[in-house]
Amino acid sequence: MAVCWRPGLLERVALEFTRAEKRFIDDNDVARFATEGPDGLPHVVPVCYVHRSDAFWVGTDYGTRKYRNLQRNDKVALLVDAGNASNCGILVQGRAKTFDRGPEFREIYDVFHRKFDWVREMP
């Protein structure tokens, strides 16, 4: 079963992206997602994401290290980058919240299902 993450801001202030930043976020669909492991070391993995309602959503399964890390510590970082030598990227840091049922989960799962082949192949 998938779990959605909604990183929020540490400072609880509105984050407003420029038009160019929004375009960059919309033009990409893979980011690096960082959590803290039980040893205090960062754990960084590539994730597919959806950006909507001023939140970044990523999916995971219950058995992942990412999920276990977030059960201990909800602080995260998400880096959307161009994936090339241009060194362009947008970093968002905040707190994550899990959603595994309910209307919010269903809505985001449907977006993932439409957007990504791998979700349709392995629902």
N, C-alpha and C. Protein backbone atom coordinates (compact mmCIF):
# COMPACT_ATOMS: atom_id res chain seq x y z
N MET A 1 0.84 -1.18 0.00
CA MET A 1 0.00 0.00 0.00
C MET A 1 0.88 1.23 0.00
N ALA A 2 0.50 2.21 -0.74
CA ALA A 2 1.27 3.46 -0.83
C ALA A 2 0.93 4.39 0.32
N VAL A 3 1.86 5.20 0.66
CA VAL A 3 1.66 6.23 1.67
C VAL A 3 2.08 7.56 1.05
N CYS A 4 1.30 8.60 1.19
CA CYS A 4 1.65 9.92 0.65
C CYS A 4 2.25 10.79 1.73
N TRP A 5 3.20 11.59 1.34
CA TRP A 5 3.88 12.50 2.28
C TRP A 5 3.58 13.92 1.86
N ARG A 6 3.30 14.74 2.83
CA ARG A 6 3.07 16.15 2.53
C ARG A 6 4.04 16.99 3.34
N PRO A 7 5.20 17.30 2.78
CA PRO A 7 6.13 18.14 3.52
C PRO A 7 5.59 19.55 3.68
N GLY A 8 5.65 20.05 4.87
CA GLY A 8 5.28 21.43 5.15
C GLY A 8 6.52 22.20 5.53
N LEU A 9 6.39 23.45 5.74
CA LEU A 9 7.55 24.27 6.08
C LEU A 9 7.83 24.25 7.57
N LEU A 10 9.09 24.27 7.92
CA LEU A 10 9.47 24.31 9.33
C LEU A 10 8.98 25.58 10.00
N GLU A 11 8.97 26.67 9.29
CA GLU A 11 8.64 27.97 9.87
C GLU A 11 7.15 28.31 9.78
N ARG A 12 6.36 27.49 9.12
CA ARG A 12 4.93 27.72 8.95
C ARG A 12 4.64 29.07 8.27
N VAL A 13 5.45 29.37 7.29
CA VAL A 13 5.21 30.55 6.47
C VAL A 13 4.91 30.09 5.06
N ALA A 14 4.16 30.89 4.34
CA ALA A 14 3.80 30.51 2.98
C ALA A 14 5.04 30.54 2.10
N LEU A 15 5.19 29.52 1.31
CA LEU A 15 6.29 29.45 0.37
C LEU A 15 5.74 29.78 -1.00
N GLU A 16 6.25 30.83 -1.59
CA GLU A 16 5.78 31.21 -2.91
C GLU A 16 6.92 31.09 -3.90
N PHE A 17 6.68 30.28 -4.92
CA PHE A 17 7.67 30.10 -5.97
C PHE A 17 7.45 31.14 -7.06
N THR A 18 8.52 31.52 -7.71
CA THR A 18 8.41 32.40 -8.87
C THR A 18 7.80 31.60 -10.02
N ARG A 19 7.41 32.29 -11.06
CA ARG A 19 6.86 31.61 -12.24
C ARG A 19 7.88 30.63 -12.82
N ALA A 20 9.14 31.05 -12.88
CA ALA A 20 10.20 30.18 -13.41
C ALA A 20 10.40 28.95 -12.52
N GLU A 21 10.35 29.14 -11.21
CA GLU A 21 10.49 28.00 -10.29
C GLU A 21 9.32 27.03 -10.43
N LYS A 22 8.10 27.55 -10.56
CA LYS A 22 6.93 26.68 -10.75
C LYS A 22 7.07 25.87 -12.03
N ARG A 23 7.53 26.52 -13.08
CA ARG A 23 7.72 25.83 -14.35
C ARG A 23 8.77 24.72 -14.19
N PHE A 24 9.86 25.02 -13.48
CA PHE A 24 10.91 24.04 -13.24
C PHE A 24 10.35 22.85 -12.46
N ILE A 25 9.57 23.11 -11.43
CA ILE A 25 8.95 22.03 -10.63
C ILE A 25 8.01 21.20 -11.49
N ASP A 26 7.19 21.87 -12.31
CA ASP A 26 6.23 21.16 -13.15
C ASP A 26 6.89 20.38 -14.28
N ASP A 27 8.05 20.85 -14.74
CA ASP A 27 8.75 20.18 -15.84
C ASP A 27 9.52 18.94 -15.39
N ASN A 28 9.66 18.75 -14.10
CA ASN A 28 10.36 17.60 -13.55
C ASN A 28 9.37 16.73 -12.77
N ASP A 29 9.71 15.48 -12.60
CA ASP A 29 8.83 14.63 -11.78
C ASP A 29 9.61 13.68 -10.87
N VAL A 30 10.94 13.85 -10.82
CA VAL A 30 11.77 13.08 -9.91
C VAL A 30 12.55 14.04 -9.03
N ALA A 31 12.61 13.71 -7.74
CA ALA A 31 13.34 14.53 -6.77
C ALA A 31 14.13 13.60 -5.86
N ARG A 32 14.98 14.19 -5.05
CA ARG A 32 15.70 13.45 -4.01
C ARG A 32 15.01 13.77 -2.69
N PHE A 33 14.69 12.73 -1.93
CA PHE A 33 13.94 12.87 -0.68
C PHE A 33 14.82 12.39 0.46
N ALA A 34 15.05 13.26 1.44
CA ALA A 34 15.96 12.93 2.53
C ALA A 34 15.22 12.83 3.85
N THR A 35 15.52 11.75 4.57
CA THR A 35 15.03 11.54 5.93
C THR A 35 16.24 11.27 6.81
N GLU A 36 16.03 11.21 8.10
CA GLU A 36 17.12 10.90 9.02
C GLU A 36 16.97 9.48 9.54
N GLY A 37 18.04 8.69 9.41
CA GLY A 37 18.02 7.32 9.90
C GLY A 37 18.20 7.25 11.40
N PRO A 38 18.02 6.06 11.97
CA PRO A 38 18.15 5.91 13.43
C PRO A 38 19.55 6.20 13.94
N ASP A 39 20.54 6.13 13.05
CA ASP A 39 21.92 6.43 13.42
C ASP A 39 22.24 7.91 13.29
N GLY A 40 21.23 8.73 12.92
CA GLY A 40 21.44 10.16 12.76
C GLY A 40 21.98 10.55 11.40
N LEU A 41 22.25 9.59 10.55
CA LEU A 41 22.77 9.88 9.22
C LEU A 41 21.63 10.09 8.24
N PRO A 42 21.83 10.95 7.24
CA PRO A 42 20.78 11.16 6.25
C PRO A 42 20.58 9.94 5.35
N HIS A 43 19.36 9.74 4.97
CA HIS A 43 18.99 8.70 4.01
C HIS A 43 18.32 9.42 2.85
N VAL A 44 18.93 9.37 1.67
CA VAL A 44 18.44 10.11 0.51
C VAL A 44 18.10 9.12 -0.60
N VAL A 45 16.89 9.26 -1.13
CA VAL A 45 16.45 8.36 -2.21
C VAL A 45 15.75 9.18 -3.28
N PRO A 46 15.83 8.71 -4.54
CA PRO A 46 15.05 9.38 -5.59
C PRO A 46 13.58 8.99 -5.44
N VAL A 47 12.69 9.94 -5.68
CA VAL A 47 11.25 9.70 -5.61
C VAL A 47 10.57 10.44 -6.75
N CYS A 48 9.45 9.89 -7.20
CA CYS A 48 8.56 10.63 -8.08
C CYS A 48 7.69 11.49 -7.18
N TYR A 49 7.32 12.66 -7.66
CA TYR A 49 6.53 13.56 -6.83
C TYR A 49 5.43 14.22 -7.65
N VAL A 50 4.47 14.74 -6.91
CA VAL A 50 3.42 15.59 -7.47
C VAL A 50 3.42 16.85 -6.63
N HIS A 51 3.39 17.99 -7.28
CA HIS A 51 3.30 19.27 -6.58
C HIS A 51 1.93 19.87 -6.84
N ARG A 52 1.15 20.04 -5.77
CA ARG A 52 -0.16 20.68 -5.89
C ARG A 52 -0.62 21.10 -4.51
N SER A 53 -1.49 22.07 -4.49
CA SER A 53 -2.00 22.63 -3.23
C SER A 53 -0.85 23.07 -2.33
N ASP A 54 0.18 23.66 -2.92
CA ASP A 54 1.34 24.15 -2.18
C ASP A 54 2.02 23.07 -1.35
N ALA A 55 1.97 21.84 -1.83
CA ALA A 55 2.62 20.73 -1.14
C ALA A 55 3.28 19.82 -2.16
N PHE A 56 4.32 19.16 -1.73
CA PHE A 56 4.95 18.12 -2.53
C PHE A 56 4.48 16.79 -1.96
N TRP A 57 4.03 15.93 -2.84
CA TRP A 57 3.55 14.61 -2.45
C TRP A 57 4.46 13.56 -3.05
N VAL A 58 4.85 12.59 -2.26
CA VAL A 58 5.61 11.44 -2.75
C VAL A 58 4.93 10.19 -2.20
N GLY A 59 5.18 9.08 -2.85
CA GLY A 59 4.59 7.83 -2.40
C GLY A 59 5.66 6.87 -1.93
N THR A 60 5.27 5.99 -1.03
CA THR A 60 6.17 4.94 -0.56
C THR A 60 5.34 3.78 -0.04
N ASP A 61 5.99 2.70 0.28
CA ASP A 61 5.34 1.55 0.88
C ASP A 61 5.69 1.50 2.36
N TYR A 62 4.88 0.76 3.11
CA TYR A 62 5.10 0.67 4.55
C TYR A 62 6.44 0.05 4.93
N GLY A 63 6.96 -0.86 4.14
CA GLY A 63 8.18 -1.57 4.50
C GLY A 63 9.47 -0.85 4.18
N THR A 64 9.40 0.38 3.68
CA THR A 64 10.62 1.05 3.26
C THR A 64 11.36 1.71 4.43
N ARG A 65 12.64 1.90 4.23
CA ARG A 65 13.44 2.62 5.23
C ARG A 65 12.94 4.06 5.38
N LYS A 66 12.56 4.65 4.26
CA LYS A 66 12.02 6.02 4.26
C LYS A 66 10.82 6.11 5.22
N TYR A 67 9.90 5.16 5.13
CA TYR A 67 8.72 5.15 6.00
C TYR A 67 9.13 4.97 7.46
N ARG A 68 10.01 4.01 7.73
CA ARG A 68 10.45 3.78 9.11
C ARG A 68 11.14 5.01 9.69
N ASN A 69 11.97 5.67 8.87
CA ASN A 69 12.65 6.88 9.34
C ASN A 69 11.64 7.95 9.73
N LEU A 70 10.61 8.12 8.92
CA LEU A 70 9.61 9.16 9.20
C LEU A 70 8.75 8.85 10.41
N GLN A 71 8.67 7.60 10.80
CA GLN A 71 7.94 7.26 12.02
C GLN A 71 8.68 7.78 13.25
N ARG A 72 9.99 7.91 13.13
CA ARG A 72 10.81 8.42 14.23
C ARG A 72 11.00 9.93 14.17
N ASN A 73 11.08 10.48 12.95
CA ASN A 73 11.42 11.89 12.80
C ASN A 73 10.75 12.38 11.51
N ASP A 74 9.88 13.38 11.64
CA ASP A 74 9.12 13.85 10.48
C ASP A 74 9.81 14.96 9.69
N LYS A 75 11.02 15.33 10.07
CA LYS A 75 11.74 16.36 9.33
C LYS A 75 12.30 15.77 8.04
N VAL A 76 12.09 16.49 6.93
CA VAL A 76 12.51 15.99 5.62
C VAL A 76 13.10 17.12 4.79
N ALA A 77 13.76 16.73 3.72
CA ALA A 77 14.20 17.66 2.69
C ALA A 77 13.88 17.02 1.35
N LEU A 78 13.49 17.86 0.41
CA LEU A 78 13.18 17.40 -0.94
C LEU A 78 13.90 18.31 -1.91
N LEU A 79 14.70 17.72 -2.78
CA LEU A 79 15.46 18.47 -3.78
C LEU A 79 14.97 18.10 -5.17
N VAL A 80 14.40 19.08 -5.86
CA VAL A 80 14.05 18.92 -7.26
C VAL A 80 15.22 19.52 -8.04
N ASP A 81 15.86 18.69 -8.87
CA ASP A 81 16.99 19.21 -9.63
C ASP A 81 16.90 18.78 -11.08
N ALA A 82 17.70 19.39 -11.90
CA ALA A 82 17.65 19.13 -13.33
C ALA A 82 18.28 17.80 -13.70
N GLY A 83 19.01 17.18 -12.78
CA GLY A 83 19.61 15.89 -13.06
C GLY A 83 20.75 15.94 -14.06
N ASN A 84 21.36 17.11 -14.21
CA ASN A 84 22.50 17.24 -15.12
C ASN A 84 23.54 18.14 -14.48
N ALA A 85 24.52 18.53 -15.25
CA ALA A 85 25.63 19.32 -14.70
C ALA A 85 25.29 20.80 -14.53
N SER A 86 24.04 21.20 -14.72
CA SER A 86 23.70 22.62 -14.62
C SER A 86 23.65 23.13 -13.19
N ASN A 87 23.61 22.21 -12.22
CA ASN A 87 23.53 22.57 -10.81
C ASN A 87 22.30 23.42 -10.48
N CYS A 88 21.23 23.25 -11.24
CA CYS A 88 19.97 23.94 -10.95
C CYS A 88 19.11 23.05 -10.07
N GLY A 89 18.50 23.64 -9.08
CA GLY A 89 17.61 22.86 -8.23
C GLY A 89 16.84 23.74 -7.27
N ILE A 90 15.80 23.14 -6.69
CA ILE A 90 14.98 23.80 -5.68
C ILE A 90 14.93 22.87 -4.48
N LEU A 91 15.32 23.39 -3.34
CA LEU A 91 15.34 22.62 -2.10
C LEU A 91 14.21 23.10 -1.20
N VAL A 92 13.42 22.15 -0.70
CA VAL A 92 12.35 22.45 0.25
C VAL A 92 12.61 21.61 1.49
N GLN A 93 12.60 22.24 2.64
CA GLN A 93 12.77 21.53 3.90
C GLN A 93 11.51 21.71 4.73
N GLY A 94 11.17 20.71 5.50
CA GLY A 94 9.96 20.84 6.32
C GLY A 94 9.66 19.58 7.09
N ARG A 95 8.40 19.46 7.43
CA ARG A 95 7.91 18.30 8.16
C ARG A 95 6.92 17.56 7.28
N ALA A 96 6.96 16.25 7.37
CA ALA A 96 6.10 15.42 6.54
C ALA A 96 4.94 14.89 7.38
N LYS A 97 3.86 14.65 6.70
CA LYS A 97 2.69 14.04 7.32
C LYS A 97 2.26 12.89 6.43
N THR A 98 1.90 11.77 7.02
CA THR A 98 1.51 10.61 6.22
C THR A 98 0.00 10.58 6.02
N PHE A 99 -0.38 10.11 4.86
CA PHE A 99 -1.79 9.90 4.51
C PHE A 99 -1.88 8.52 3.89
N ASP A 100 -2.69 7.64 4.44
CA ASP A 100 -2.83 6.32 3.83
C ASP A 100 -4.29 5.92 3.62
N ARG A 101 -5.19 6.86 3.83
CA ARG A 101 -6.61 6.64 3.56
C ARG A 101 -7.32 7.98 3.60
N GLY A 102 -8.57 7.96 3.24
CA GLY A 102 -9.36 9.18 3.27
C GLY A 102 -9.37 9.90 1.94
N PRO A 103 -10.17 10.95 1.85
CA PRO A 103 -10.34 11.65 0.57
C PRO A 103 -9.05 12.30 0.06
N GLU A 104 -8.24 12.84 0.94
CA GLU A 104 -6.99 13.48 0.51
C GLU A 104 -6.05 12.44 -0.11
N PHE A 105 -5.94 11.28 0.54
CA PHE A 105 -5.10 10.21 0.01
C PHE A 105 -5.63 9.75 -1.36
N ARG A 106 -6.92 9.53 -1.44
CA ARG A 106 -7.52 9.03 -2.68
C ARG A 106 -7.28 10.01 -3.84
N GLU A 107 -7.44 11.30 -3.57
CA GLU A 107 -7.24 12.32 -4.60
C GLU A 107 -5.81 12.29 -5.13
N ILE A 108 -4.83 12.26 -4.22
CA ILE A 108 -3.43 12.26 -4.64
C ILE A 108 -3.06 10.94 -5.30
N TYR A 109 -3.59 9.82 -4.78
CA TYR A 109 -3.31 8.54 -5.41
C TYR A 109 -3.82 8.54 -6.85
N ASP A 110 -4.98 9.11 -7.09
CA ASP A 110 -5.53 9.18 -8.45
C ASP A 110 -4.62 10.01 -9.37
N VAL A 111 -4.06 11.09 -8.84
CA VAL A 111 -3.11 11.90 -9.63
C VAL A 111 -1.88 11.07 -9.97
N PHE A 112 -1.33 10.36 -8.98
CA PHE A 112 -0.18 9.50 -9.24
C PHE A 112 -0.53 8.44 -10.28
N HIS A 113 -1.71 7.86 -10.18
CA HIS A 113 -2.14 6.80 -11.09
C HIS A 113 -2.21 7.31 -12.53
N ARG A 114 -2.71 8.52 -12.71
CA ARG A 114 -2.78 9.10 -14.06
C ARG A 114 -1.40 9.50 -14.59
N LYS A 115 -0.53 9.98 -13.71
CA LYS A 115 0.75 10.56 -14.14
C LYS A 115 1.86 9.54 -14.38
N PHE A 116 1.90 8.48 -13.59
CA PHE A 116 3.06 7.57 -13.61
C PHE A 116 2.68 6.16 -14.04
N ASP A 117 3.39 5.66 -15.05
CA ASP A 117 3.17 4.29 -15.52
C ASP A 117 3.38 3.26 -14.41
N TRP A 118 4.42 3.46 -13.59
CA TRP A 118 4.74 2.47 -12.56
C TRP A 118 3.61 2.31 -11.55
N VAL A 119 2.81 3.34 -11.31
CA VAL A 119 1.67 3.22 -10.38
C VAL A 119 0.58 2.36 -11.03
N ARG A 120 0.35 2.56 -12.31
CA ARG A 120 -0.66 1.76 -13.02
C ARG A 120 -0.22 0.30 -13.09
N GLU A 121 1.09 0.06 -13.23
CA GLU A 121 1.60 -1.30 -13.34
C GLU A 121 1.65 -2.01 -11.99
N MET A 122 1.87 -1.27 -10.91
CA MET A 122 1.99 -1.86 -9.56
C MET A 122 1.16 -1.04 -8.59
N PRO A 123 -0.19 -1.11 -8.70
CA PRO A 123 -1.03 -0.25 -7.83
C PRO A 123 -0.88 -0.59 -6.35
